[in-house]
PDB file of N, CA and C in Angstrom:
ATOM      1  N   UNK A   1    -164.643  47.599-275.927  1.00  0.00           N
ATOM      2  CA  UNK A   1    -163.560  48.432-276.450  1.00  0.00           C
ATOM      3  C   UNK A   1    -163.596  49.805-275.785  1.00  0.00           C
ATOM      4  N   UNK A   2    -162.442  50.353-275.582  1.00  0.00           N
ATOM      5  CA  UNK A   2    -162.391  51.674-274.976  1.00  0.00           C
ATOM      6  C   UNK A   2    -162.540  52.743-276.050  1.00  0.00           C
ATOM      7  N   UNK A   3    -162.876  53.933-275.628  1.00  0.00           N
ATOM      8  CA  UNK A   3    -163.026  55.058-276.537  1.00  0.00           C
ATOM      9  C   UNK A   3    -161.693  55.360-277.213  1.00  0.00           C
ATOM     10  N   UNK A   4    -160.588  55.162-276.466  1.00  0.00           N
ATOM     11  CA  UNK A   4    -159.257  55.421-277.017  1.00  0.00           C
ATOM     12  C   UNK A   4    -158.960  54.490-278.184  1.00  0.00           C
ATOM     13  N   UNK A   5    -159.258  53.184-278.025  1.00  0.00           N
ATOM     14  CA  UNK A   5    -158.948  52.236-279.101  1.00  0.00           C
ATOM     15  C   UNK A   5    -159.824  52.476-280.321  1.00  0.00           C
ATOM     16  N   UNK A   6    -161.095  52.868-280.127  1.00  0.00           N
ATOM     17  CA  UNK A   6    -161.958  53.187-281.259  1.00  0.00           C
ATOM     18  C   UNK A   6    -161.453  54.415-282.010  1.00  0.00           C
ATOM     19  N   UNK A   7    -161.014  55.416-281.269  1.00  0.00           N
ATOM     20  CA  UNK A   7    -160.469  56.623-281.879  1.00  0.00           C
ATOM     21  C   UNK A   7    -159.201  56.301-282.657  1.00  0.00           C
ATOM     22  N   UNK A   8    -158.369  55.431-282.087  1.00  0.00           N
ATOM     23  CA  UNK A   8    -157.138  55.027-282.752  1.00  0.00           C
ATOM     24  C   UNK A   8    -157.444  54.282-284.043  1.00  0.00           C
ATOM     25  N   UNK A   9    -158.447  53.392-284.020  1.00  0.00           N
ATOM     26  CA  UNK A   9    -158.820  52.640-285.226  1.00  0.00           C
ATOM     27  C   UNK A   9    -159.346  53.568-286.320  1.00  0.00           C
ATOM     28  N   UNK A  10    -160.159  54.556-285.941  1.00  0.00           N
ATOM     29  CA  UNK A  10    -160.694  55.511-286.913  1.00  0.00           C
ATOM     30  C   UNK A  10    -159.552  56.320-287.522  1.00  0.00           C
ATOM     31  N   UNK A  11    -158.620  56.751-286.690  1.00  0.00           N
ATOM     32  CA  UNK A  11    -157.472  57.517-287.188  1.00  0.00           C
ATOM     33  C   UNK A  11    -156.636  56.670-288.147  1.00  0.00           C
ATOM     34  N   UNK A  12    -156.447  55.392-287.805  1.00  0.00           N
ATOM     35  CA  UNK A  12    -155.677  54.501-288.667  1.00  0.00           C
ATOM     36  C   UNK A  12    -156.379  54.316-290.012  1.00  0.00           C
ATOM     37  N   UNK A  13    -157.689  54.122-290.001  1.00  0.00           N
ATOM     38  CA  UNK A  13    -158.443  53.960-291.244  1.00  0.00           C
ATOM     39  C   UNK A  13    -158.378  55.219-292.105  1.00  0.00           C
ATOM     40  N   UNK A  14    -158.478  56.380-291.488  1.00  0.00           N
ATOM     41  CA  UNK A  14    -158.379  57.648-292.235  1.00  0.00           C
ATOM     42  C   UNK A  14    -156.994  57.798-292.859  1.00  0.00           C
ATOM     43  N   UNK A  15    -155.982  57.468-292.089  1.00  0.00           N
ATOM     44  CA  UNK A  15    -154.605  57.561-292.583  1.00  0.00           C
ATOM     45  C   UNK A  15    -154.397  56.597-293.759  1.00  0.00           C
ATOM     46  N   UNK A  16    -154.908  55.374-293.645  1.00  0.00           N
ATOM     47  CA  UNK A  16    -154.771  54.407-294.738  1.00  0.00           C
ATOM     48  C   UNK A  16    -155.498  54.876-295.998  1.00  0.00           C
ATOM     49  N   UNK A  17    -156.680  55.482-295.817  1.00  0.00           N
ATOM     50  CA  UNK A  17    -157.406  56.020-296.991  1.00  0.00           C
ATOM     51  C   UNK A  17    -156.610  57.134-297.655  1.00  0.00           C
ATOM     52  N   UNK A  18    -156.015  58.000-296.843  1.00  0.00           N
ATOM     53  CA  UNK A  18    -155.193  59.089-297.369  1.00  0.00           C
ATOM     54  C   UNK A  18    -153.976  58.533-298.108  1.00  0.00           C
ATOM     55  N   UNK A  19    -153.335  57.542-297.514  1.00  0.00           N
ATOM     56  CA  UNK A  19    -152.170  56.931-298.153  1.00  0.00           C
ATOM     57  C   UNK A  19    -152.561  56.228-299.452  1.00  0.00           C
ATOM     58  N   UNK A  20    -153.707  55.560-299.452  1.00  0.00           N
ATOM     59  CA  UNK A  20    -154.174  54.873-300.669  1.00  0.00           C
ATOM     60  C   UNK A  20    -154.394  55.888-301.790  1.00  0.00           C
ATOM     61  N   UNK A  21    -154.934  57.048-301.448  1.00  0.00           N
ATOM     62  CA  UNK A  21    -155.129  58.105-302.458  1.00  0.00           C
ATOM     63  C   UNK A  21    -153.778  58.572-302.994  1.00  0.00           C
ATOM     64  N   UNK A  22    -152.784  58.713-302.115  1.00  0.00           N
ATOM     65  CA  UNK A  22    -151.442  59.106-302.555  1.00  0.00           C
ATOM     66  C   UNK A  22    -150.836  58.042-303.469  1.00  0.00           C
ATOM     67  N   UNK A  23    -151.028  56.789-303.122  1.00  0.00           N
ATOM     68  CA  UNK A  23    -150.486  55.688-303.938  1.00  0.00           C
ATOM     69  C   UNK A  23    -151.113  55.739-305.333  1.00  0.00           C
ATOM     70  N   UNK A  24    -152.433  55.900-305.390  1.00  0.00           N
ATOM     71  CA  UNK A  24    -153.114  55.991-306.690  1.00  0.00           C
ATOM     72  C   UNK A  24    -152.596  57.185-307.494  1.00  0.00           C
ATOM     73  N   UNK A  25    -152.387  58.302-306.804  1.00  0.00           N
ATOM     74  CA  UNK A  25    -151.886  59.505-307.469  1.00  0.00           C
ATOM     75  C   UNK A  25    -150.486  59.260-308.028  1.00  0.00           C
ATOM     76  N   UNK A  26    -149.632  58.614-307.239  1.00  0.00           N
ATOM     77  CA  UNK A  26    -148.269  58.329-307.700  1.00  0.00           C
ATOM     78  C   UNK A  26    -148.294  57.361-308.873  1.00  0.00           C
ATOM     79  N   UNK A  27    -149.154  56.352-308.806  1.00  0.00           N
ATOM     80  CA  UNK A  27    -149.212  55.366-309.881  1.00  0.00           C
ATOM     81  C   UNK A  27    -149.771  55.942-311.182  1.00  0.00           C
ATOM     82  N   UNK A  28    -150.481  57.065-311.076  1.00  0.00           N
ATOM     83  CA  UNK A  28    -150.981  57.704-312.296  1.00  0.00           C
ATOM     84  C   UNK A  28    -150.190  58.978-312.620  1.00  0.00           C
ATOM     85  N   UNK A  29    -148.957  59.059-312.117  1.00  0.00           N
ATOM     86  CA  UNK A  29    -148.097  60.213-312.373  1.00  0.00           C
ATOM     87  C   UNK A  29    -147.794  60.303-313.877  1.00  0.00           C
ATOM     88  N   UNK A  30    -147.364  61.447-314.339  1.00  0.00           N
ATOM     89  CA  UNK A  30    -147.054  61.616-315.773  1.00  0.00           C
ATOM     90  C   UNK A  30    -145.968  60.646-316.239  1.00  0.00           C
ATOM     91  N   UNK A  31    -146.084  60.217-317.480  1.00  0.00           N
ATOM     92  CA  UNK A  31    -145.073  59.328-318.059  1.00  0.00           C
ATOM     93  C   UNK A  31    -143.718  60.016-317.995  1.00  0.00           C
ATOM     94  N   UNK A  32    -142.716  59.273-317.627  1.00  0.00           N
ATOM     95  CA  UNK A  32    -141.368  59.832-317.544  1.00  0.00           C
ATOM     96  C   UNK A  32    -141.012  60.351-316.169  1.00  0.00           C
ATOM     97  N   UNK A  33    -141.998  60.558-315.303  1.00  0.00           N
ATOM     98  CA  UNK A  33    -141.719  61.033-313.938  1.00  0.00           C
ATOM     99  C   UNK A  33    -141.442  59.821-313.056  1.00  0.00           C
ATOM    100  N   UNK A  34    -140.336  59.837-312.345  1.00  0.00           N
ATOM    101  CA  UNK A  34    -139.980  58.715-311.473  1.00  0.00           C
ATOM    102  C   UNK A  34    -140.709  58.839-310.138  1.00  0.00           C
ATOM    103  N   UNK A  35    -140.696  57.753-309.374  1.00  0.00           N
ATOM    104  CA  UNK A  35    -141.282  57.766-308.033  1.00  0.00           C
ATOM    105  C   UNK A  35    -140.556  58.791-307.170  1.00  0.00           C
ATOM    106  N   UNK A  36    -139.230  58.849-307.290  1.00  0.00           N
ATOM    107  CA  UNK A  36    -138.435  59.797-306.502  1.00  0.00           C
ATOM    108  C   UNK A  36    -138.861  61.238-306.813  1.00  0.00           C
ATOM    109  N   UNK A  37    -139.054  61.540-308.095  1.00  0.00           N
ATOM    110  CA  UNK A  37    -139.485  62.893-308.486  1.00  0.00           C
ATOM    111  C   UNK A  37    -140.884  63.180-307.955  1.00  0.00           C
ATOM    112  N   UNK A  38    -141.781  62.199-308.047  1.00  0.00           N
ATOM    113  CA  UNK A  38    -143.134  62.396-307.538  1.00  0.00           C
ATOM    114  C   UNK A  38    -143.097  62.651-306.041  1.00  0.00           C
ATOM    115  N   UNK A  39    -142.297  61.861-305.322  1.00  0.00           N
ATOM    116  CA  UNK A  39    -142.180  62.022-303.866  1.00  0.00           C
ATOM    117  C   UNK A  39    -141.649  63.410-303.508  1.00  0.00           C
ATOM    118  N   UNK A  40    -140.658  63.885-304.253  1.00  0.00           N
ATOM    119  CA  UNK A  40    -140.095  65.221-303.985  1.00  0.00           C
ATOM    120  C   UNK A  40    -141.165  66.293-304.160  1.00  0.00           C
ATOM    121  N   UNK A  41    -142.006  66.140-305.161  1.00  0.00           N
ATOM    122  CA  UNK A  41    -143.084  67.113-305.406  1.00  0.00           C
ATOM    123  C   UNK A  41    -144.140  67.082-304.307  1.00  0.00           C
ATOM    124  N   UNK A  42    -144.250  65.955-303.594  1.00  0.00           N
ATOM    125  CA  UNK A  42    -145.283  65.806-302.568  1.00  0.00           C
ATOM    126  C   UNK A  42    -144.716  65.785-301.151  1.00  0.00           C
ATOM    127  N   UNK A  43    -143.448  66.201-301.027  1.00  0.00           N
ATOM    128  CA  UNK A  43    -142.795  66.331-299.716  1.00  0.00           C
ATOM    129  C   UNK A  43    -142.803  65.050-298.879  1.00  0.00           C
ATOM    130  N   UNK A  44    -142.574  63.902-299.523  1.00  0.00           N
ATOM    131  CA  UNK A  44    -142.368  62.668-298.778  1.00  0.00           C
ATOM    132  C   UNK A  44    -141.121  61.982-299.338  1.00  0.00           C
ATOM    133  N   UNK A  45    -140.492  61.194-298.485  1.00  0.00           N
ATOM    134  CA  UNK A  45    -139.293  60.484-298.950  1.00  0.00           C
ATOM    135  C   UNK A  45    -139.709  59.227-299.706  1.00  0.00           C
ATOM    136  N   UNK A  46    -138.791  58.731-300.505  1.00  0.00           N
ATOM    137  CA  UNK A  46    -139.048  57.486-301.239  1.00  0.00           C
ATOM    138  C   UNK A  46    -139.309  56.351-300.247  1.00  0.00           C
ATOM    139  N   UNK A  47    -138.528  56.294-299.168  1.00  0.00           N
ATOM    140  CA  UNK A  47    -138.707  55.248-298.155  1.00  0.00           C
ATOM    141  C   UNK A  47    -140.093  55.335-297.523  1.00  0.00           C
ATOM    142  N   UNK A  48    -140.553  56.551-297.258  1.00  0.00           N
ATOM    143  CA  UNK A  48    -141.870  56.738-296.659  1.00  0.00           C
ATOM    144  C   UNK A  48    -142.977  56.319-297.636  1.00  0.00           C
ATOM    145  N   UNK A  49    -142.791  56.633-298.921  1.00  0.00           N
ATOM    146  CA  UNK A  49    -143.769  56.215-299.936  1.00  0.00           C
ATOM    147  C   UNK A  49    -143.895  54.703-299.948  1.00  0.00           C
ATOM    148  N   UNK A  50    -142.771  53.980-299.969  1.00  0.00           N
ATOM    149  CA  UNK A  50    -142.818  52.518-300.019  1.00  0.00           C
ATOM    150  C   UNK A  50    -143.340  51.912-298.715  1.00  0.00           C
ATOM    151  N   UNK A  51    -143.095  52.590-297.587  1.00  0.00           N
ATOM    152  CA  UNK A  51    -143.673  52.159-296.316  1.00  0.00           C
ATOM    153  C   UNK A  51    -145.195  52.250-296.396  1.00  0.00           C
ATOM    154  N   UNK A  52    -145.689  53.394-296.893  1.00  0.00           N
ATOM    155  CA  UNK A  52    -147.129  53.590-297.021  1.00  0.00           C
ATOM    156  C   UNK A  52    -147.739  52.580-298.001  1.00  0.00           C
ATOM    157  N   UNK A  53    -147.047  52.322-299.102  1.00  0.00           N
ATOM    158  CA  UNK A  53    -147.518  51.350-300.079  1.00  0.00           C
ATOM    159  C   UNK A  53    -147.656  49.968-299.429  1.00  0.00           C
ATOM    160  N   UNK A  54    -146.640  49.576-298.643  1.00  0.00           N
ATOM    161  CA  UNK A  54    -146.684  48.275-297.966  1.00  0.00           C
ATOM    162  C   UNK A  54    -147.845  48.202-296.978  1.00  0.00           C
ATOM    163  N   UNK A  55    -148.052  49.254-296.212  1.00  0.00           N
ATOM    164  CA  UNK A  55    -149.130  49.263-295.216  1.00  0.00           C
ATOM    165  C   UNK A  55    -150.503  49.211-295.884  1.00  0.00           C
ATOM    166  N   UNK A  56    -150.679  49.925-296.992  1.00  0.00           N
ATOM    167  CA  UNK A  56    -151.957  49.895-297.713  1.00  0.00           C
ATOM    168  C   UNK A  56    -152.198  48.495-298.274  1.00  0.00           C
ATOM    169  N   UNK A  57    -151.161  47.887-298.853  1.00  0.00           N
ATOM    170  CA  UNK A  57    -151.305  46.521-299.388  1.00  0.00           C
ATOM    171  C   UNK A  57    -151.659  45.536-298.283  1.00  0.00           C
ATOM    172  N   UNK A  58    -150.995  45.648-297.130  1.00  0.00           N
ATOM    173  CA  UNK A  58    -151.293  44.759-296.003  1.00  0.00           C
ATOM    174  C   UNK A  58    -152.744  44.915-295.555  1.00  0.00           C
ATOM    175  N   UNK A  59    -153.234  46.142-295.498  1.00  0.00           N
ATOM    176  CA  UNK A  59    -154.616  46.388-295.091  1.00  0.00           C
ATOM    177  C   UNK A  59    -155.589  45.784-296.110  1.00  0.00           C
ATOM    178  N   UNK A  60    -155.258  45.904-297.394  1.00  0.00           N
ATOM    179  CA  UNK A  60    -156.109  45.316-298.439  1.00  0.00           C
ATOM    180  C   UNK A  60    -156.143  43.800-298.318  1.00  0.00           C
ATOM    181  N   UNK A  61    -154.988  43.179-298.102  1.00  0.00           N
ATOM    182  CA  UNK A  61    -154.932  41.724-297.945  1.00  0.00           C
ATOM    183  C   UNK A  61    -155.719  41.269-296.730  1.00  0.00           C
ATOM    184  N   UNK A  62    -155.639  42.013-295.653  1.00  0.00           N
ATOM    185  CA  UNK A  62    -156.374  41.665-294.439  1.00  0.00           C
ATOM    186  C   UNK A  62    -157.884  41.734-294.697  1.00  0.00           C
ATOM    187  N   UNK A  63    -158.320  42.745-295.418  1.00  0.00           N
ATOM    188  CA  UNK A  63    -159.731  42.877-295.752  1.00  0.00           C
ATOM    189  C   UNK A  63    -160.194  41.714-296.612  1.00  0.00           C
ATOM    190  N   UNK A  64    -159.376  41.326-297.589  1.00  0.00           N
ATOM    191  CA  UNK A  64    -159.725  40.205-298.459  1.00  0.00           C
ATOM    192  C   UNK A  64    -159.832  38.925-297.638  1.00  0.00           C
ATOM    193  N   UNK A  65    -158.897  38.695-296.715  1.00  0.00           N
ATOM    194  CA  UNK A  65    -158.937  37.488-295.871  1.00  0.00           C
ATOM    195  C   UNK A  65    -160.213  37.447-295.044  1.00  0.00           C
ATOM    196  N   UNK A  66    -160.625  38.592-294.502  1.00  0.00           N
ATOM    197  CA  UNK A  66    -161.825  38.649-293.673  1.00  0.00           C
ATOM    198  C   UNK A  66    -163.078  38.388-294.501  1.00  0.00           C
ATOM    199  N   UNK A  67    -163.074  38.798-295.774  1.00  0.00           N
ATOM    200  CA  UNK A  67    -164.253  38.649-296.620  1.00  0.00           C
ATOM    201  C   UNK A  67    -164.351  37.284-297.283  1.00  0.00           C
ATOM    202  N   UNK A  68    -163.231  36.529-297.306  1.00  0.00           N
ATOM    203  CA  UNK A  68    -163.263  35.207-297.944  1.00  0.00           C
ATOM    204  C   UNK A  68    -164.121  34.259-297.121  1.00  0.00           C
ATOM    205  N   UNK A  69    -165.024  33.546-297.773  1.00  0.00           N
ATOM    206  CA  UNK A  69    -165.845  32.590-297.019  1.00  0.00           C
ATOM    207  C   UNK A  69    -164.997  31.405-296.577  1.00  0.00           C
ATOM    208  N   UNK A  70    -165.381  30.828-295.468  1.00  0.00           N
ATOM    209  CA  UNK A  70    -164.692  29.622-295.004  1.00  0.00           C
ATOM    210  C   UNK A  70    -164.971  28.503-296.006  1.00  0.00           C
ATOM    211  N   UNK A  71    -164.036  27.576-296.108  1.00  0.00           N
ATOM    212  CA  UNK A  71    -164.259  26.443-297.020  1.00  0.00           C
ATOM    213  C   UNK A  71    -165.503  25.696-296.573  1.00  0.00           C
ATOM    214  N   UNK A  72    -166.319  25.364-297.537  1.00  0.00           N
ATOM    215  CA  UNK A  72    -167.551  24.664-297.227  1.00  0.00           C
ATOM    216  C   UNK A  72    -167.569  23.318-297.930  1.00  0.00           C
ATOM    217  N   UNK A  73    -168.132  22.340-297.256  1.00  0.00           N
ATOM    218  CA  UNK A  73    -168.262  21.016-297.834  1.00  0.00           C
ATOM    219  C   UNK A  73    -169.671  20.874-298.395  1.00  0.00           C
ATOM    220  N   UNK A  74    -169.754  20.297-299.582  1.00  0.00           N
ATOM    221  CA  UNK A  74    -171.047  20.021-300.194  1.00  0.00           C
ATOM    222  C   UNK A  74    -171.266  18.522-300.089  1.00  0.00           C
ATOM    223  N   UNK A  75    -172.337  18.083-299.389  1.00  0.00           N
ATOM    224  CA  UNK A  75    -172.552  16.642-299.255  1.00  0.00           C
ATOM    225  C   UNK A  75    -172.896  16.021-300.611  1.00  0.00           C
ATOM    226  N   UNK A  76    -172.324  14.843-300.865  1.00  0.00           N
ATOM    227  CA  UNK A  76    -172.564  14.122-302.107  1.00  0.00           C
ATOM    228  C   UNK A  76    -172.969  12.708-301.740  1.00  0.00           C
ATOM    229  N   UNK A  77    -174.003  12.208-302.402  1.00  0.00           N
ATOM    230  CA  UNK A  77    -174.473  10.853-302.120  1.00  0.00           C
ATOM    231  C   UNK A  77    -173.418   9.837-302.536  1.00  0.00           C
ATOM    232  N   UNK A  78    -173.325   8.740-301.784  1.00  0.00           N
ATOM    233  CA  UNK A  78    -172.263   7.754-301.995  1.00  0.00           C
ATOM    234  C   UNK A  78    -172.303   7.113-303.379  1.00  0.00           C
ATOM    235  N   UNK A  79    -173.471   6.978-303.995  1.00  0.00           N
ATOM    236  CA  UNK A  79    -173.506   6.342-305.312  1.00  0.00           C
ATOM    237  C   UNK A  79    -172.781   7.174-306.374  1.00  0.00           C
ATOM    238  N   UNK A  80    -172.649   8.458-306.139  1.00  0.00           N
ATOM    239  CA  UNK A  80    -171.935   9.298-307.092  1.00  0.00           C
ATOM    240  C   UNK A  80    -170.425   9.169-306.945  1.00  0.00           C
ATOM    241  N   UNK A  81    -169.980   8.693-305.802  1.00  0.00           N
ATOM    242  CA  UNK A  81    -168.551   8.563-305.552  1.00  0.00           C
ATOM    243  C   UNK A  81    -167.965   7.259-306.087  1.00  0.00           C
ATOM    244  N   UNK A  82    -168.785   6.275-306.403  1.00  0.00           N
ATOM    245  CA  UNK A  82    -168.281   4.971-306.840  1.00  0.00           C
ATOM    246  C   UNK A  82    -167.549   5.040-308.168  1.00  0.00           C
ATOM    247  N   UNK A  83    -167.780   6.059-308.981  1.00  0.00           N
ATOM    248  CA  UNK A  83    -167.129   6.184-310.279  1.00  0.00           C
ATOM    249  C   UNK A  83    -165.718   6.751-310.179  1.00  0.00           C
ATOM    250  N   UNK A  84    -165.324   7.234-309.011  1.00  0.00           N
ATOM    251  CA  UNK A  84    -164.033   7.899-308.843  1.00  0.00           C
ATOM    252  C   UNK A  84    -162.868   7.004-309.250  1.00  0.00           C
ATOM    253  N   UNK A  85    -162.906   5.729-308.855  1.00  0.00           N
ATOM    254  CA  UNK A  85    -161.809   4.822-309.164  1.00  0.00           C
ATOM    255  C   UNK A  85    -161.645   4.660-310.677  1.00  0.00           C
ATOM    256  N   UNK A  86    -162.746   4.547-311.408  1.00  0.00           N
ATOM    257  CA  UNK A  86    -162.690   4.431-312.865  1.00  0.00           C
ATOM    258  C   UNK A  86    -162.146   5.710-313.486  1.00  0.00           C
ATOM    259  N   UNK A  87    -162.549   6.853-312.952  1.00  0.00           N
ATOM    260  CA  UNK A  87    -162.119   8.145-313.500  1.00  0.00           C
ATOM    261  C   UNK A  87    -160.622   8.340-313.341  1.00  0.00           C
ATOM    262  N   UNK A  88    -160.058   7.866-312.226  1.00  0.00           N
ATOM    263  CA  UNK A  88    -158.636   8.045-311.976  1.00  0.00           C
ATOM    264  C   UNK A  88    -157.791   7.276-312.994  1.00  0.00           C
ATOM    265  N   UNK A  89    -158.324   6.188-313.542  1.00  0.00           N
ATOM    266  CA  UNK A  89    -157.587   5.406-314.529  1.00  0.00           C
ATOM    267  C   UNK A  89    -157.492   6.116-315.877  1.00  0.00           C
ATOM    268  N   UNK A  90    -158.465   6.960-316.184  1.00  0.00           N
ATOM    269  CA  UNK A  90    -158.486   7.643-317.485  1.00  0.00           C
ATOM    270  C   UNK A  90    -158.674   9.152-317.269  1.00  0.00           C
ATOM    271  N   UNK A  91    -157.604   9.879-316.874  1.00  0.00           N
ATOM    272  CA  UNK A  91    -157.741  11.310-316.564  1.00  0.00           C
ATOM    273  C   UNK A  91    -158.119  12.167-317.773  1.00  0.00           C
ATOM    274  N   UNK A  92    -157.936  11.674-319.012  1.00  0.00           N
ATOM    275  CA  UNK A  92    -158.294  12.471-320.186  1.00  0.00           C
ATOM    276  C   UNK A  92    -159.804  12.629-320.314  1.00  0.00           C
ATOM    277  N   UNK A  93    -160.581  11.741-319.716  1.00  0.00           N
ATOM    278  CA  UNK A  93    -162.035  11.818-319.830  1.00  0.00           C
ATOM    279  C   UNK A  93    -162.637  12.670-318.713  1.00  0.00           C
ATOM    280  N   UNK A  94    -161.803  13.463-318.051  1.00  0.00           N
ATOM    281  CA  UNK A  94    -162.255  14.259-316.918  1.00  0.00           C
ATOM    282  C   UNK A  94    -162.105  15.747-317.224  1.00  0.00           C
ATOM    283  N   UNK A  95    -163.073  16.540-316.794  1.00  0.00           N
ATOM    284  CA  UNK A  95    -163.024  17.992-316.911  1.00  0.00           C
ATOM    285  C   UNK A  95    -162.899  18.548-315.501  1.00  0.00           C
ATOM    286  N   UNK A  96    -161.896  19.376-315.268  1.00  0.00           N
ATOM    287  CA  UNK A  96    -161.708  20.002-313.960  1.00  0.00           C
ATOM    288  C   UNK A  96    -162.142  21.457-314.052  1.00  0.00           C
ATOM    289  N   UNK A  97    -163.015  21.862-313.132  1.00  0.00           N
ATOM    290  CA  UNK A  97    -163.530  23.230-313.093  1.00  0.00           C
ATOM    291  C   UNK A  97    -163.145  23.832-311.752  1.00  0.00           C
ATOM    292  N   UNK A  98    -162.606  25.041-311.772  1.00  0.00           N
ATOM    293  CA  UNK A  98    -162.299  25.762-310.534  1.00  0.00           C
ATOM    294  C   UNK A  98    -163.102  27.051-310.516  1.00  0.00           C
ATOM    295  N   UNK A  99    -163.944  27.192-309.494  1.00  0.00           N
ATOM    296  CA  UNK A  99    -164.798  28.377-309.347  1.00  0.00           C
ATOM    297  C   UNK A  99    -164.789  28.788-307.885  1.00  0.00           C
ATOM    298  N   UNK A 100    -164.503  30.055-307.625  1.00  0.00           N
ATOM    299  CA  UNK A 100    -164.559  30.606-306.266  1.00  0.00           C
ATOM    300  C   UNK A 100    -163.796  29.748-305.257  1.00  0.00           C
ATOM    301  N   UNK A 101    -162.670  29.186-305.660  1.00  0.00           N
ATOM    302  CA  UNK A 101    -161.876  28.378-304.756  1.00  0.00           C
ATOM    303  C   UNK A 101    -162.327  26.926-304.641  1.00  0.00           C
ATOM    304  N   UNK A 102    -163.370  26.549-305.365  1.00  0.00           N
ATOM    305  CA  UNK A 102    -163.844  25.168-305.377  1.00  0.00           C
ATOM    306  C   UNK A 102    -163.254  24.466-306.584  1.00  0.00           C
ATOM    307  N   UNK A 103    -162.965  23.185-306.447  1.00  0.00           N
ATOM    308  CA  UNK A 103    -162.527  22.365-307.574  1.00  0.00           C
ATOM    309  C   UNK A 103    -163.589  21.309-307.814  1.00  0.00           C
ATOM    310  N   UNK A 104    -164.044  21.208-309.049  1.00  0.00           N
ATOM    311  CA  UNK A 104    -165.085  20.256-309.415  1.00  0.00           C
ATOM    312  C   UNK A 104    -164.530  19.388-310.532  1.00  0.00           C
ATOM    313  N   UNK A 105    -164.615  18.076-310.359  1.00  0.00           N
ATOM    314  CA  UNK A 105    -164.147  17.135-311.369  1.00  0.00           C
ATOM    315  C   UNK A 105    -165.375  16.534-312.046  1.00  0.00           C
ATOM    316  N   UNK A 106    -165.490  16.739-313.343  1.00  0.00           N
ATOM    317  CA  UNK A 106    -166.644  16.276-314.099  1.00  0.00           C
ATOM    318  C   UNK A 106    -166.165  15.240-315.110  1.00  0.00           C
ATOM    319  N   UNK A 107    -166.873  14.139-315.177  1.00  0.00           N
ATOM    320  CA  UNK A 107    -166.555  13.112-316.174  1.00  0.00           C
ATOM    321  C   UNK A 107    -167.803  12.836-316.998  1.00  0.00           C
ATOM    322  N   UNK A 108    -167.635  12.004-318.002  1.00  0.00           N
ATOM    323  CA  UNK A 108    -168.790  11.670-318.834  1.00  0.00           C
ATOM    324  C   UNK A 108    -169.841  10.902-318.049  1.00  0.00           C
ATOM    325  N   UNK A 109    -169.459  10.285-316.924  1.00  0.00           N
ATOM    326  CA  UNK A 109    -170.441   9.563-316.113  1.00  0.00           C
ATOM    327  C   UNK A 109    -171.099  10.449-315.046  1.00  0.00           C
ATOM    328  N   UNK A 110    -170.667  11.712-314.943  1.00  0.00           N
ATOM    329  CA  UNK A 110    -171.280  12.626-313.980  1.00  0.00           C
ATOM    330  C   UNK A 110    -172.695  12.942-314.449  1.00  0.00           C
ATOM    331  N   UNK A 111    -173.654  12.770-313.563  1.00  0.00           N
ATOM    332  CA  UNK A 111    -175.041  13.042-313.947  1.00  0.00           C
ATOM    333  C   UNK A 111    -175.264  14.551-314.035  1.00  0.00           C
ATOM    334  N   UNK A 112    -176.079  14.956-314.981  1.00  0.00           N
ATOM    335  CA  UNK A 112    -176.371  16.383-315.159  1.00  0.00           C
ATOM    336  C   UNK A 112    -177.098  16.962-313.939  1.00  0.00           C
ATOM    337  N   UNK A 113    -178.045  16.228-313.325  1.00  0.00           N
ATOM    338  CA  UNK A 113    -178.684  16.780-312.117  1.00  0.00           C
ATOM    339  C   UNK A 113    -177.674  17.039-310.987  1.00  0.00           C
ATOM    340  N   UNK A 114    -176.712  16.126-310.823  1.00  0.00           N
ATOM    341  CA  UNK A 114    -175.692  16.329-309.795  1.00  0.00           C
ATOM    342  C   UNK A 114    -174.848  17.558-310.117  1.00  0.00           C
ATOM    343  N   UNK A 115    -174.394  17.676-311.349  1.00  0.00           N
ATOM    344  CA  UNK A 115    -173.585  18.812-311.752  1.00  0.00           C
ATOM    345  C   UNK A 115    -174.347  20.112-311.549  1.00  0.00           C
ATOM    346  N   UNK A 116    -175.618  20.112-311.928  1.00  0.00           N
ATOM    347  CA  UNK A 116    -176.451  21.309-311.758  1.00  0.00           C
ATOM    348  C   UNK A 116    -176.579  21.682-310.286  1.00  0.00           C
ATOM    349  N   UNK A 117    -176.793  20.692-309.427  1.00  0.00           N
ATOM    350  CA  UNK A 117    -176.918  20.949-307.987  1.00  0.00           C
ATOM    351  C   UNK A 117    -175.632  21.510-307.399  1.00  0.00           C
ATOM    352  N   UNK A 118    -174.500  20.917-307.791  1.00  0.00           N
ATOM    353  CA  UNK A 118    -173.212  21.384-307.275  1.00  0.00           C
ATOM    354  C   UNK A 118    -172.933  22.810-307.739  1.00  0.00           C
ATOM    355  N   UNK A 119    -173.185  23.107-309.012  1.00  0.00           N
ATOM    356  CA  UNK A 119    -172.938  24.458-309.527  1.00  0.00           C
ATOM    357  C   UNK A 119    -173.830  25.490-308.843  1.00  0.00           C
ATOM    358  N   UNK A 120    -175.079  25.124-308.543  1.00  0.00           N
ATOM    359  CA  UNK A 120    -175.965  26.040-307.809  1.00  0.00           C
ATOM    360  C   UNK A 120    -175.426  26.304-306.407  1.00  0.00           C
ATOM    361  N   UNK A 121    -174.953  25.242-305.751  1.00  0.00           N
ATOM    362  CA  UNK A 121    -174.404  25.392-304.404  1.00  0.00           C
ATOM    363  C   UNK A 121    -173.177  26.294-304.417  1.00  0.00           C
ATOM    364  N   UNK A 122    -172.310  26.130-305.416  1.00  0.00           N
ATOM    365  CA  UNK A 122    -171.104  26.956-305.520  1.00  0.00           C
ATOM    366  C   UNK A 122    -171.483  28.403-305.798  1.00  0.00           C
ATOM    367  N   UNK A 123    -172.439  28.613-306.673  1.00  0.00           N
ATOM    368  CA  UNK A 123    -172.859  29.975-307.020  1.00  0.00           C
ATOM    369  C   UNK A 123    -173.333  30.742-305.796  1.00  0.00           C
ATOM    370  N   UNK A 124    -173.992  30.051-304.867  1.00  0.00           N
ATOM    371  CA  UNK A 124    -174.550  30.719-303.690  1.00  0.00           C
ATOM    372  C   UNK A 124    -173.645  30.633-302.480  1.00  0.00           C
ATOM    373  N   UNK A 125    -172.462  30.067-302.640  1.00  0.00           N
ATOM    374  CA  UNK A 125    -171.529  29.950-301.500  1.00  0.00           C
ATOM    375  C   UNK A 125    -170.778  31.241-301.294  1.00  0.00           C
TER     376      UNK A 125
END
C-alpha cells in the first residue's frame, strides 16, 4: 500500500467517527426538536445529515460482515443421521434451536452426548 492510500484510509475512518458522533448527538436531541432543526443548529443540511447517516450505517455493516465467521460444518457420525427420516414424519417431536447462525434439530432420539458435543462446538465457533 502506498502512503497516500493509508493516509486516505485514516482520514476516512476519522471522518466516519466524527459523523457517527454527530448521528448519536442528533438521535439524542431534545424531545420535540426535528432533524431539520437539529441540522440548522449544527450548520449541516438535512440531505448531508442523511448522507452521513447512510455512510456510517454502510461502514457498520461492512465491519459486521468482516467479523462474521465463515459457515462451518460440524462432522456428525452416520449412525446419528439414520433417524432423520423418522423425524421428518413427525415434526411435532422435534425441537429446532438457532444459535449464532447455526440451526440444530433435536428430537427425543437425539443422544445427550451428541447434543452436548454440538453445543460445545457452536459455543466455540
